[in-house]
Amino acid sequence: MKFLWLILFCLPLQLWAHGGEDHGEEEQKAAAAMPASTGSRAYASSELFELVLVAPAVGNAEQQLSIYLDYFADNSPVEGAVIELDLAGFSGKAAMVQPGFYQLKTPALKAERHNVTLTIEAGEDLDLLTTALDLTPVSTEVPHDHSWTEYSSQLLLALGVLILALVFWRLASRRSQGAK
């Protein structure tokens, strides 16, 4: 009987898992070591073309913008296009790396929202696309909230264990009185 009491009072209620969470420091250190952003994306399309503009994380002195350009009708990559980009007072022409993939070096961009204008010329096709590239920092902090149901279930479990312990104690005291 004393062993049962020892187990009941020494076993903390927090041992039961909730939500598959790990509250250890390793998880927090790993989250802090991850880069704040791997890059920002902007999308633009028209009847002729669709493109995705990818900017690396803010903070580099010189940035390499990547442009993925496809024909809108069949999603095939555009080869040999001339892409002129106007962004935050900077303008330049992107160079083709492979069909449908173009790159352009730009000076460091501020961490804010930038309006981008792209002039695309591919053979007989000519188009003007506009989009917005948002380089504002994104928070990587994940909120951790506990629900009242988490604590209420622990309270109900503790009350159940307490009632069970009282029943066992009452039965044990009746047995000891009956044996006398």
Protein backbone atom coordinates (compact mmCIF):
# COMPACT_ATOMS: atom_id res chain seq x y z
CA MET A 1 0.00 0.00 0.00
CA LYS A 2 2.82 2.41 0.80
CA PHE A 3 4.32 1.64 -2.61
CA LEU A 4 1.07 2.75 -4.30
CA TRP A 5 1.13 6.06 -2.42
CA LEU A 6 4.76 6.59 -3.39
CA ILE A 7 3.96 6.05 -7.07
CA LEU A 8 0.93 8.36 -6.98
CA PHE A 9 2.76 11.29 -5.40
CA CYS A 10 6.06 10.93 -7.20
CA LEU A 11 4.68 10.59 -10.71
CA PRO A 12 4.19 14.07 -12.19
CA LEU A 13 1.20 14.70 -14.40
CA GLN A 14 3.39 16.34 -17.04
CA LEU A 15 4.78 12.97 -18.11
CA TRP A 16 1.82 12.39 -20.40
CA ALA A 17 2.53 13.76 -23.86
CA HIS A 18 0.39 16.43 -25.44
CA GLY A 19 0.48 17.30 -29.11
CA GLY A 20 3.81 15.62 -29.92
CA GLU A 21 5.75 18.65 -28.73
CA ASP A 22 9.30 18.81 -27.50
CA HIS A 23 10.00 21.65 -25.10
CA GLY A 24 13.76 21.05 -25.10
CA GLU A 25 16.42 23.62 -25.87
CA GLU A 26 17.67 21.68 -28.91
CA GLU A 27 14.51 22.52 -30.86
CA GLN A 28 14.81 26.22 -30.02
CA LYS A 29 18.50 26.30 -30.99
CA ALA A 30 17.75 24.57 -34.30
CA ALA A 31 15.00 27.09 -35.10
CA ALA A 32 17.32 30.00 -34.28
CA ALA A 33 20.06 28.59 -36.54
CA MET A 34 17.75 28.41 -39.57
CA PRO A 35 17.93 31.34 -41.96
CA ALA A 36 15.12 33.86 -41.58
CA SER A 37 14.14 33.60 -45.22
CA THR A 38 15.27 31.56 -48.19
CA GLY A 39 13.93 34.12 -50.59
CA SER A 40 10.85 35.95 -51.76
CA ARG A 41 8.75 35.21 -54.82
CA ALA A 42 6.58 37.30 -57.08
CA TYR A 43 4.22 36.05 -59.79
CA ALA A 44 2.95 37.75 -62.94
CA SER A 45 1.05 36.53 -65.97
CA SER A 46 -0.64 37.73 -69.13
CA GLU A 47 -2.23 36.09 -72.16
CA LEU A 48 1.25 35.37 -73.55
CA PHE A 49 3.59 34.72 -70.64
CA GLU A 50 3.73 33.76 -67.01
CA LEU A 51 6.74 34.25 -64.80
CA VAL A 52 7.98 33.74 -61.29
CA LEU A 53 10.57 36.17 -59.94
CA VAL A 54 12.70 34.83 -57.07
CA ALA A 55 14.86 37.12 -54.92
CA PRO A 56 17.35 35.75 -52.37
CA ALA A 57 17.17 36.72 -48.71
CA VAL A 58 17.85 40.37 -47.98
CA GLY A 59 21.29 41.24 -46.65
CA ASN A 60 23.67 40.53 -49.52
CA ALA A 61 25.59 43.44 -51.04
CA GLU A 62 24.72 42.15 -54.51
CA GLN A 63 21.70 40.00 -55.27
CA GLN A 64 20.99 37.54 -58.04
CA LEU A 65 17.35 37.63 -59.13
CA SER A 66 16.06 34.49 -60.82
CA ILE A 67 13.27 34.61 -63.38
CA TYR A 68 11.34 31.56 -64.52
CA LEU A 69 9.50 32.38 -67.76
CA ASP A 70 6.95 30.14 -69.53
CA TYR A 71 4.39 30.55 -72.27
CA PHE A 72 0.96 30.89 -70.65
CA ALA A 73 -0.88 28.71 -73.18
CA ASP A 74 1.15 25.50 -72.83
CA ASN A 75 3.53 26.14 -69.91
CA SER A 76 6.57 25.50 -72.12
CA PRO A 77 9.79 27.38 -71.25
CA VAL A 78 10.57 30.52 -73.22
CA GLU A 79 13.93 30.33 -74.94
CA GLY A 80 15.99 33.33 -76.06
CA ALA A 81 13.77 36.02 -74.60
CA VAL A 82 14.97 39.52 -73.85
CA ILE A 83 13.78 40.45 -70.37
CA GLU A 84 14.23 44.02 -69.19
CA LEU A 85 13.51 44.59 -65.50
CA ASP A 86 12.82 47.87 -63.73
CA LEU A 87 12.93 47.63 -59.92
CA ALA A 88 13.46 50.30 -57.25
CA GLY A 89 15.26 52.70 -59.58
CA PHE A 90 17.40 49.91 -61.05
CA SER A 91 16.97 48.60 -64.58
CA GLY A 92 18.79 45.84 -66.36
CA LYS A 93 18.55 42.92 -68.77
CA ALA A 94 18.37 39.33 -67.57
CA ALA A 95 20.65 36.71 -69.10
CA MET A 96 19.36 33.28 -70.08
CA VAL A 97 20.93 30.43 -68.08
CA GLN A 98 18.82 27.73 -69.69
CA PRO A 99 15.50 27.75 -71.57
CA GLY A 100 12.89 29.30 -69.28
CA PHE A 101 15.42 30.30 -66.60
CA TYR A 102 17.00 33.77 -66.53
CA GLN A 103 19.14 35.61 -63.99
CA LEU A 104 19.98 39.23 -63.28
CA LYS A 105 22.39 40.78 -60.77
CA THR A 106 20.98 43.74 -58.87
CA PRO A 107 22.35 45.98 -56.14
CA ALA A 108 21.24 45.29 -52.58
CA LEU A 109 17.52 45.83 -52.15
CA LYS A 110 15.84 47.25 -49.07
CA ALA A 111 13.63 44.98 -47.00
CA GLU A 112 10.36 46.42 -48.26
CA ARG A 113 7.75 45.91 -50.96
CA HIS A 114 9.03 46.75 -54.46
CA ASN A 115 7.01 47.29 -57.63
CA VAL A 116 8.59 45.44 -60.55
CA THR A 117 8.02 46.09 -64.25
CA LEU A 118 9.22 43.53 -66.78
CA THR A 119 9.35 43.99 -70.54
CA ILE A 120 9.52 40.65 -72.32
CA GLU A 121 10.36 40.17 -75.98
CA ALA A 122 10.44 36.64 -77.39
CA GLY A 123 10.51 36.46 -81.18
CA GLU A 124 7.31 38.14 -82.43
CA ASP A 125 5.79 38.28 -78.93
CA LEU A 126 6.13 41.44 -76.85
CA ASP A 127 4.57 41.92 -73.41
CA LEU A 128 4.73 44.16 -70.37
CA LEU A 129 4.21 42.53 -66.95
CA THR A 130 4.03 44.15 -63.53
CA THR A 131 4.21 42.54 -60.11
CA ALA A 132 5.23 43.32 -56.55
CA LEU A 133 8.19 41.73 -54.80
CA ASP A 134 7.79 41.73 -51.02
CA LEU A 135 11.16 41.54 -49.24
CA THR A 136 9.89 42.39 -45.75
CA PRO A 137 11.21 39.98 -43.13
CA VAL A 138 8.99 37.07 -42.15
CA SER A 139 8.85 35.99 -38.52
CA THR A 140 10.03 32.42 -37.93
CA GLU A 141 8.77 32.37 -34.36
CA VAL A 142 6.09 29.76 -33.86
CA PRO A 143 3.59 30.60 -31.12
CA HIS A 144 3.03 27.91 -28.53
CA ASP A 145 -0.33 28.18 -26.84
CA HIS A 146 -1.79 25.77 -24.34
CA SER A 147 -5.49 25.03 -24.47
CA TRP A 148 -7.69 24.92 -21.38
CA THR A 149 -8.66 21.36 -22.41
CA GLU A 150 -5.07 20.28 -21.92
CA TYR A 151 -5.12 21.38 -18.30
CA SER A 152 -8.70 20.26 -17.65
CA SER A 153 -7.90 16.71 -18.73
CA GLN A 154 -4.92 16.68 -16.38
CA LEU A 155 -7.10 17.98 -13.56
CA LEU A 156 -9.75 15.32 -14.19
CA LEU A 157 -7.05 12.65 -14.25
CA ALA A 158 -5.63 13.92 -10.95
CA LEU A 159 -9.10 13.96 -9.37
CA GLY A 160 -9.73 10.41 -10.60
CA VAL A 161 -6.45 9.21 -9.12
CA LEU A 162 -7.24 10.99 -5.84
CA ILE A 163 -10.71 9.40 -5.63
CA LEU A 164 -9.25 5.99 -6.44
CA ALA A 165 -6.59 6.46 -3.75
CA LEU A 166 -9.28 7.44 -1.20
CA VAL A 167 -11.34 4.36 -2.06
CA PHE A 168 -8.30 2.10 -1.63
CA TRP A 169 -7.41 3.83 1.64
CA ARG A 170 -10.97 3.41 2.94
CA LEU A 171 -11.00 -0.29 1.99
CA ALA A 172 -7.62 -0.81 3.61
CA SER A 173 -8.72 0.92 6.83
CA ARG A 174 -11.90 -1.25 6.99
CA ARG A 175 -9.81 -4.39 6.53
CA SER A 176 -7.41 -3.38 9.26
CA GLN A 177 -10.34 -2.62 11.65
CA GLY A 178 -12.04 -5.92 10.77
CA ALA A 179 -8.86 -7.87 11.45
CA LYS A 180 -8.54 -6.47 14.98
